[in-house]
């Protein structure tokens, strides 16, 4: 990448972050929803020394492979229910837009094409639609669109910013987080925009919700006043329980398709790496071991055939 392009990309990231931080954005974001099946690979994004690209890796830490390779940044990969495609968002030099790509890195296709930023994609369980965050000229709201880029529809319509949509495996709910004037809290809504329900309500920030494969739990990240840790709760907000407990940040949880593990990014004292852990908080294991930070894991199903 030439120095000019690198500067433009960096400026774009800083601009988007500045707008969001002023509105209570827990940054970086991630939009995650696990679909039931056999465990496949974990996708994430990381710096290649020039910009950010998408990678995938086996859950045992083997066979790390690069998926995207271009001159601009690619962020927040999320597996389709089939485990064969990824949605992500890409900085095109001017704004962020949602793209999709085959898991082997071929056939990158742009999904959104609006005048404002679009990011945080999450697939519907049918694989036919993608929910994402878009700017409406006033604030950030949740939208949905067909995977072919047609039929863009607004889901939320509030005076606050909404981020991190995660579509439940049964297709009936979208979880997300929103700034309530004090901190970030987690909500859920019907995909048609009705039935908004607040799930968390406390004095600390809760964000980045992710549904378990069967929809019986939601994992999320929470600021406990010292650092960020991973928690889980019931879909109605009850039975909040801490999963990780250490002196460093743990963020961006994603369930394994079999529901027996949660992957997340954790700080190892030098940089952020991808880890996995049992939902009861035991058996924390490091997955990636790179010289730079790794972000936003998403655990896909093993493709059939």
Protein backbone atom coordinates (compact mmCIF):
# COMPACT_ATOMS: atom_id res chain seq x y z
CA UNK A 1 0.00 0.00 0.00
CA UNK A 2 1.27 3.46 -0.79
CA UNK A 3 1.72 5.95 2.02
CA UNK A 4 -1.18 8.12 0.82
CA UNK A 5 -3.64 5.23 0.86
CA UNK A 6 -2.44 4.14 4.26
CA UNK A 7 -3.02 7.64 5.61
CA UNK A 8 -6.52 7.75 4.12
CA UNK A 9 -7.42 4.40 5.68
CA UNK A 10 -6.07 5.46 9.05
CA UNK A 11 -7.97 8.73 8.88
CA UNK A 12 -11.16 6.85 8.06
CA UNK A 13 -10.74 4.58 11.05
CA UNK A 14 -10.05 7.50 13.36
CA UNK A 15 -13.04 9.47 12.06
CA UNK A 16 -15.47 6.60 12.51
CA UNK A 17 -14.05 5.83 15.95
CA UNK A 18 -14.25 9.47 17.04
CA UNK A 19 -17.93 9.71 16.12
CA UNK A 20 -18.69 6.48 17.91
CA UNK A 21 -16.67 7.13 21.05
CA UNK A 22 -18.62 10.30 21.60
CA UNK A 23 -21.77 8.20 21.51
CA UNK A 24 -20.67 5.42 23.84
CA UNK A 25 -19.20 3.01 21.29
CA UNK A 26 -17.31 0.09 22.84
CA UNK A 27 -14.59 -0.17 20.19
CA UNK A 28 -13.64 -2.42 18.39
CA UNK A 29 -16.99 -3.88 17.50
CA UNK A 30 -18.05 -7.38 16.57
CA UNK A 31 -21.28 -8.88 15.39
CA UNK A 32 -21.58 -12.56 16.18
CA UNK A 33 -24.18 -15.30 16.01
CA UNK A 34 -23.36 -19.00 16.23
CA UNK A 35 -25.25 -21.45 14.06
CA UNK A 36 -25.55 -25.07 15.22
CA UNK A 37 -23.36 -27.70 13.61
CA UNK A 38 -19.93 -29.28 13.80
CA UNK A 39 -17.11 -26.96 14.74
CA UNK A 40 -15.29 -25.42 11.79
CA UNK A 41 -12.66 -22.72 11.57
CA UNK A 42 -12.34 -19.46 13.45
CA UNK A 43 -12.16 -16.30 11.35
CA UNK A 44 -10.60 -13.09 12.69
CA UNK A 45 -8.85 -9.98 11.46
CA UNK A 46 -5.29 -8.85 12.08
CA UNK A 47 -2.69 -6.43 10.76
CA UNK A 48 -0.36 -7.70 8.07
CA UNK A 49 2.04 -4.85 8.81
CA UNK A 50 0.39 -2.53 6.31
CA UNK A 51 -3.36 -2.79 6.88
CA UNK A 52 -5.94 -5.16 8.38
CA UNK A 53 -6.89 -8.40 6.62
CA UNK A 54 -9.16 -11.40 7.31
CA UNK A 55 -7.66 -14.72 8.41
CA UNK A 56 -8.98 -18.13 9.41
CA UNK A 57 -7.52 -20.81 11.67
CA UNK A 58 -8.38 -24.20 13.08
CA UNK A 59 -9.57 -24.12 16.68
CA UNK A 60 -6.47 -26.03 17.76
CA UNK A 61 -4.28 -23.22 16.43
CA UNK A 62 -3.13 -24.97 13.27
CA UNK A 63 -3.31 -24.00 9.60
CA UNK A 64 -3.70 -20.25 9.85
CA UNK A 65 -4.65 -18.97 6.40
CA UNK A 66 -5.14 -15.48 4.97
CA UNK A 67 -8.53 -14.87 3.35
CA UNK A 68 -8.34 -11.29 2.05
CA UNK A 69 -5.34 -9.59 0.49
CA UNK A 70 -5.73 -6.05 -0.77
CA UNK A 71 -4.52 -2.50 -0.21
CA UNK A 72 -7.25 -1.41 2.21
CA UNK A 73 -8.56 -2.60 5.58
CA UNK A 74 -10.93 -5.57 6.08
CA UNK A 75 -12.64 -6.06 9.45
CA UNK A 76 -15.03 -8.15 11.55
CA UNK A 77 -15.52 -11.38 9.55
CA UNK A 78 -18.67 -13.38 10.25
CA UNK A 79 -19.38 -16.85 8.87
CA UNK A 80 -22.52 -17.63 6.91
CA UNK A 81 -24.69 -20.46 8.32
CA UNK A 82 -23.25 -22.84 5.70
CA UNK A 83 -19.67 -22.14 6.79
CA UNK A 84 -18.75 -21.51 3.16
CA UNK A 85 -18.87 -17.71 3.01
CA UNK A 86 -17.86 -14.77 5.16
CA UNK A 87 -19.36 -11.32 5.45
CA UNK A 88 -17.09 -8.50 6.60
CA UNK A 89 -16.68 -4.80 6.14
CA UNK A 90 -14.07 -3.13 4.01
CA UNK A 91 -12.64 0.38 3.87
CA UNK A 92 -12.69 1.46 0.22
CA UNK A 93 -10.68 4.64 0.73
CA UNK A 94 -13.74 6.75 1.42
CA UNK A 95 -16.14 4.81 3.63
CA UNK A 96 -16.86 1.39 5.12
CA UNK A 97 -19.08 -1.03 3.20
CA UNK A 98 -20.19 -4.62 3.76
CA UNK A 99 -18.78 -7.33 1.51
CA UNK A 100 -19.05 -11.10 1.27
CA UNK A 101 -16.40 -13.58 0.18
CA UNK A 102 -15.92 -17.31 -0.14
CA UNK A 103 -14.06 -18.92 2.73
CA UNK A 104 -11.15 -19.70 0.41
CA UNK A 105 -10.70 -16.00 -0.35
CA UNK A 106 -12.22 -15.93 -3.84
CA UNK A 107 -15.12 -13.91 -5.25
CA UNK A 108 -15.28 -10.88 -3.00
CA UNK A 109 -18.61 -9.12 -3.68
CA UNK A 110 -19.83 -5.79 -2.35
CA UNK A 111 -23.20 -6.00 -0.56
CA UNK A 112 -23.90 -2.42 0.59
CA UNK A 113 -23.34 0.64 -1.56
CA UNK A 114 -24.70 3.65 0.27
CA UNK A 115 -23.34 7.17 0.70
CA UNK A 116 -22.62 6.54 4.40
CA UNK A 117 -20.70 3.91 6.40
CA UNK A 118 -22.05 0.36 6.70
CA UNK A 119 -20.38 -2.17 9.01
CA UNK A 120 -20.90 -4.87 11.71
CA UNK A 121 -22.49 -7.53 9.43
CA UNK A 122 -24.29 -10.61 10.80
CA UNK A 123 -26.02 -13.32 8.75
CA UNK A 124 -29.63 -14.42 9.09
CA UNK A 125 -29.89 -18.19 9.72
CA UNK A 126 -31.38 -18.64 6.25
CA UNK A 127 -28.22 -17.19 4.71
CA UNK A 128 -30.43 -14.97 2.56
CA UNK A 129 -30.13 -11.73 4.54
CA UNK A 130 -27.49 -9.79 6.42
CA UNK A 131 -28.09 -7.34 9.26
CA UNK A 132 -25.59 -4.52 9.74
CA UNK A 133 -25.06 -1.05 11.17
CA UNK A 134 -25.61 1.96 8.94
CA UNK A 135 -25.50 5.70 9.41
CA UNK A 136 -28.79 7.48 8.68
CA UNK A 137 -27.40 11.01 8.68
CA UNK A 138 -28.09 11.49 12.38
CA UNK A 139 -26.97 8.36 14.20
CA UNK A 140 -26.15 4.68 13.69
CA UNK A 141 -29.04 2.22 13.33
CA UNK A 142 -29.52 -1.49 12.57
CA UNK A 143 -30.51 -2.38 9.00
CA UNK A 144 -31.07 -5.60 7.11
CA UNK A 145 -30.45 -6.35 3.44
CA UNK A 146 -30.63 -9.31 1.09
CA UNK A 147 -27.28 -11.03 0.62
CA UNK A 148 -27.35 -9.94 -3.03
CA UNK A 149 -27.41 -6.28 -1.95
CA UNK A 150 -31.08 -5.53 -2.65
CA UNK A 151 -33.96 -4.71 -0.30
CA UNK A 152 -32.27 -2.57 2.34
CA UNK A 153 -34.66 -2.09 5.29
CA UNK A 154 -34.20 -0.21 8.56
CA UNK A 155 -34.78 -2.27 11.73
CA UNK A 156 -34.19 0.17 14.59
CA UNK A 157 -35.26 3.80 14.69
CA UNK A 158 -34.03 5.58 17.81
CA UNK A 159 -32.26 8.78 18.80
CA UNK A 160 -29.28 6.75 20.07
CA UNK A 161 -26.57 4.73 18.34
CA UNK A 162 -27.02 0.97 17.88
CA UNK A 163 -24.14 -1.42 17.20
CA UNK A 164 -23.16 -5.07 17.08
CA UNK A 165 -26.27 -6.85 15.73
CA UNK A 166 -26.33 -10.63 16.22
CA UNK A 167 -29.10 -12.67 14.58
CA UNK A 168 -30.36 -15.61 16.64
CA UNK A 169 -30.11 -19.09 15.13
CA UNK A 170 -33.91 -19.44 14.97
CA UNK A 171 -34.17 -16.14 13.11
CA UNK A 172 -36.67 -14.63 15.53
CA UNK A 173 -34.50 -12.03 17.28
CA UNK A 174 -31.60 -9.69 16.68
CA UNK A 175 -29.52 -8.76 19.71
CA UNK A 176 -27.49 -5.54 19.69
CA UNK A 177 -26.14 -2.91 22.05
CA UNK A 178 -26.99 0.75 22.40
CA UNK A 179 -25.83 3.76 24.37
CA UNK A 180 -28.45 4.75 26.96
CA UNK A 181 -26.91 8.12 27.84
CA UNK A 182 -24.64 6.67 30.49
CA UNK A 183 -23.14 3.47 29.11
CA UNK A 184 -23.75 0.67 26.61
CA UNK A 185 -26.53 -1.82 27.30
CA UNK A 186 -27.80 -4.88 25.42
CA UNK A 187 -31.20 -5.15 23.74
CA UNK A 188 -33.05 -7.53 21.44
CA UNK A 189 -35.61 -6.81 18.76
CA UNK A 190 -37.74 -8.64 16.21
CA UNK A 191 -36.22 -8.49 12.70
CA UNK A 192 -39.28 -6.48 11.55
CA UNK A 193 -38.38 -3.71 14.01
CA UNK A 194 -41.00 -4.45 16.69
CA UNK A 195 -40.74 -5.76 20.23
CA UNK A 196 -37.61 -4.05 21.56
CA UNK A 197 -36.59 -5.48 24.95
CA UNK A 198 -33.74 -4.26 27.15
CA UNK A 199 -31.68 -7.16 28.52
CA UNK A 200 -29.02 -5.48 30.68
CA UNK A 201 -29.48 -2.50 32.98
CA UNK A 202 -26.61 -1.62 35.27
CA UNK A 203 -23.88 0.95 35.87
CA UNK A 204 -21.24 -0.72 33.67
CA UNK A 205 -21.00 -1.07 29.93
CA UNK A 206 -22.33 -4.27 28.32
CA UNK A 207 -21.78 -4.84 24.61
CA UNK A 208 -21.04 -7.27 21.76
CA UNK A 209 -23.79 -9.84 22.40
CA UNK A 210 -23.54 -13.23 20.70
CA UNK A 211 -26.19 -15.96 20.69
CA UNK A 212 -25.39 -19.55 21.57
CA UNK A 213 -26.17 -22.04 18.76
CA UNK A 214 -29.46 -23.15 20.32
CA UNK A 215 -30.40 -19.65 21.43
CA UNK A 216 -30.49 -20.52 25.13
CA UNK A 217 -27.68 -18.16 26.17
CA UNK A 218 -26.16 -14.86 25.14
CA UNK A 219 -22.47 -14.22 25.75
CA UNK A 220 -21.22 -10.64 25.87
CA UNK A 221 -18.44 -8.41 27.15
CA UNK A 222 -18.75 -6.19 30.20
CA UNK A 223 -16.61 -3.52 31.83
CA UNK A 224 -16.33 -4.45 35.51
CA UNK A 225 -14.66 -1.15 36.40
CA UNK A 226 -11.16 -2.62 36.14
CA UNK A 227 -11.06 -4.34 32.77
CA UNK A 228 -13.31 -6.09 30.24
CA UNK A 229 -14.46 -9.65 30.90
CA UNK A 230 -16.74 -12.18 29.17
CA UNK A 231 -20.16 -12.89 30.68
CA UNK A 232 -23.19 -14.95 29.72
CA UNK A 233 -26.91 -14.62 30.47
CA UNK A 234 -30.28 -16.04 29.54
CA UNK A 235 -32.06 -14.55 26.48
CA UNK A 236 -34.34 -12.60 28.83
CA UNK A 237 -31.39 -11.01 30.65
CA UNK A 238 -31.57 -13.24 33.74
CA UNK A 239 -28.82 -15.38 35.28
CA UNK A 240 -25.91 -13.11 34.46
CA UNK A 241 -22.68 -15.04 35.10
CA UNK A 242 -19.02 -14.22 34.60
CA UNK A 243 -17.04 -16.51 32.29
CA UNK A 244 -13.52 -15.01 32.32
CA UNK A 245 -11.82 -13.58 35.41
CA UNK A 246 -8.32 -12.16 35.18
CA UNK A 247 -6.40 -8.88 35.28
CA UNK A 248 -6.37 -8.33 31.50
CA UNK A 249 -9.03 -7.47 28.92
CA UNK A 250 -11.17 -10.24 27.41
CA UNK A 251 -13.60 -9.16 24.68
CA UNK A 252 -15.56 -10.11 21.59
CA UNK A 253 -16.96 -13.54 22.48
CA UNK A 254 -18.24 -16.03 19.89
CA UNK A 255 -19.77 -19.45 20.56
CA UNK A 256 -18.53 -22.66 19.00
CA UNK A 257 -21.20 -24.21 16.74
CA UNK A 258 -21.51 -27.19 19.13
CA UNK A 259 -22.04 -24.79 22.07
CA UNK A 260 -19.26 -26.32 24.15
CA UNK A 261 -16.70 -23.50 23.85
CA UNK A 262 -16.53 -19.73 23.61
CA UNK A 263 -13.76 -18.07 21.63
CA UNK A 264 -12.74 -14.47 22.35
CA UNK A 265 -9.86 -12.06 22.08
CA UNK A 266 -7.73 -11.65 25.18
CA UNK A 267 -4.74 -9.53 26.10
CA UNK A 268 -1.62 -11.57 26.88
CA UNK A 269 0.47 -8.70 28.25
CA UNK A 270 1.93 -7.84 24.86
CA UNK A 271 -0.91 -7.94 22.35
CA UNK A 272 -4.37 -9.39 21.74
CA UNK A 273 -4.66 -13.05 20.74
CA UNK A 274 -7.59 -15.41 20.17
CA UNK A 275 -8.46 -17.77 23.04
CA UNK A 276 -11.12 -20.38 23.73
CA UNK A 277 -12.72 -21.38 27.01
CA UNK A 278 -15.50 -23.56 28.39
CA UNK A 279 -18.73 -21.63 29.01
CA UNK A 280 -18.31 -22.35 32.75
CA UNK A 281 -15.00 -20.48 32.75
CA UNK A 282 -12.61 -23.45 32.84
CA UNK A 283 -9.90 -24.63 30.43
CA UNK A 284 -8.74 -21.34 28.90
CA UNK A 285 -6.56 -22.15 25.88
CA UNK A 286 -4.72 -19.83 23.49
CA UNK A 287 -5.53 -20.36 19.80
CA UNK A 288 -3.39 -17.78 17.94
CA UNK A 289 0.20 -16.82 18.67
CA UNK A 290 1.20 -13.99 16.38
CA UNK A 291 3.51 -11.00 16.66
CA UNK A 292 0.59 -8.56 16.33
CA UNK A 293 -2.91 -8.32 17.71
CA UNK A 294 -5.78 -10.50 16.50
CA UNK A 295 -9.38 -9.26 16.72
CA UNK A 296 -13.05 -10.22 16.40
CA UNK A 297 -13.11 -14.03 16.23
CA UNK A 298 -16.10 -15.76 14.68
CA UNK A 299 -16.42 -19.55 14.91
CA UNK A 300 -18.03 -21.08 11.84
CA UNK A 301 -19.65 -24.42 11.21
CA UNK A 302 -17.78 -27.10 9.31
CA UNK A 303 -19.03 -26.94 5.72
CA UNK A 304 -20.77 -30.00 4.37
CA UNK A 305 -19.39 -31.77 1.34
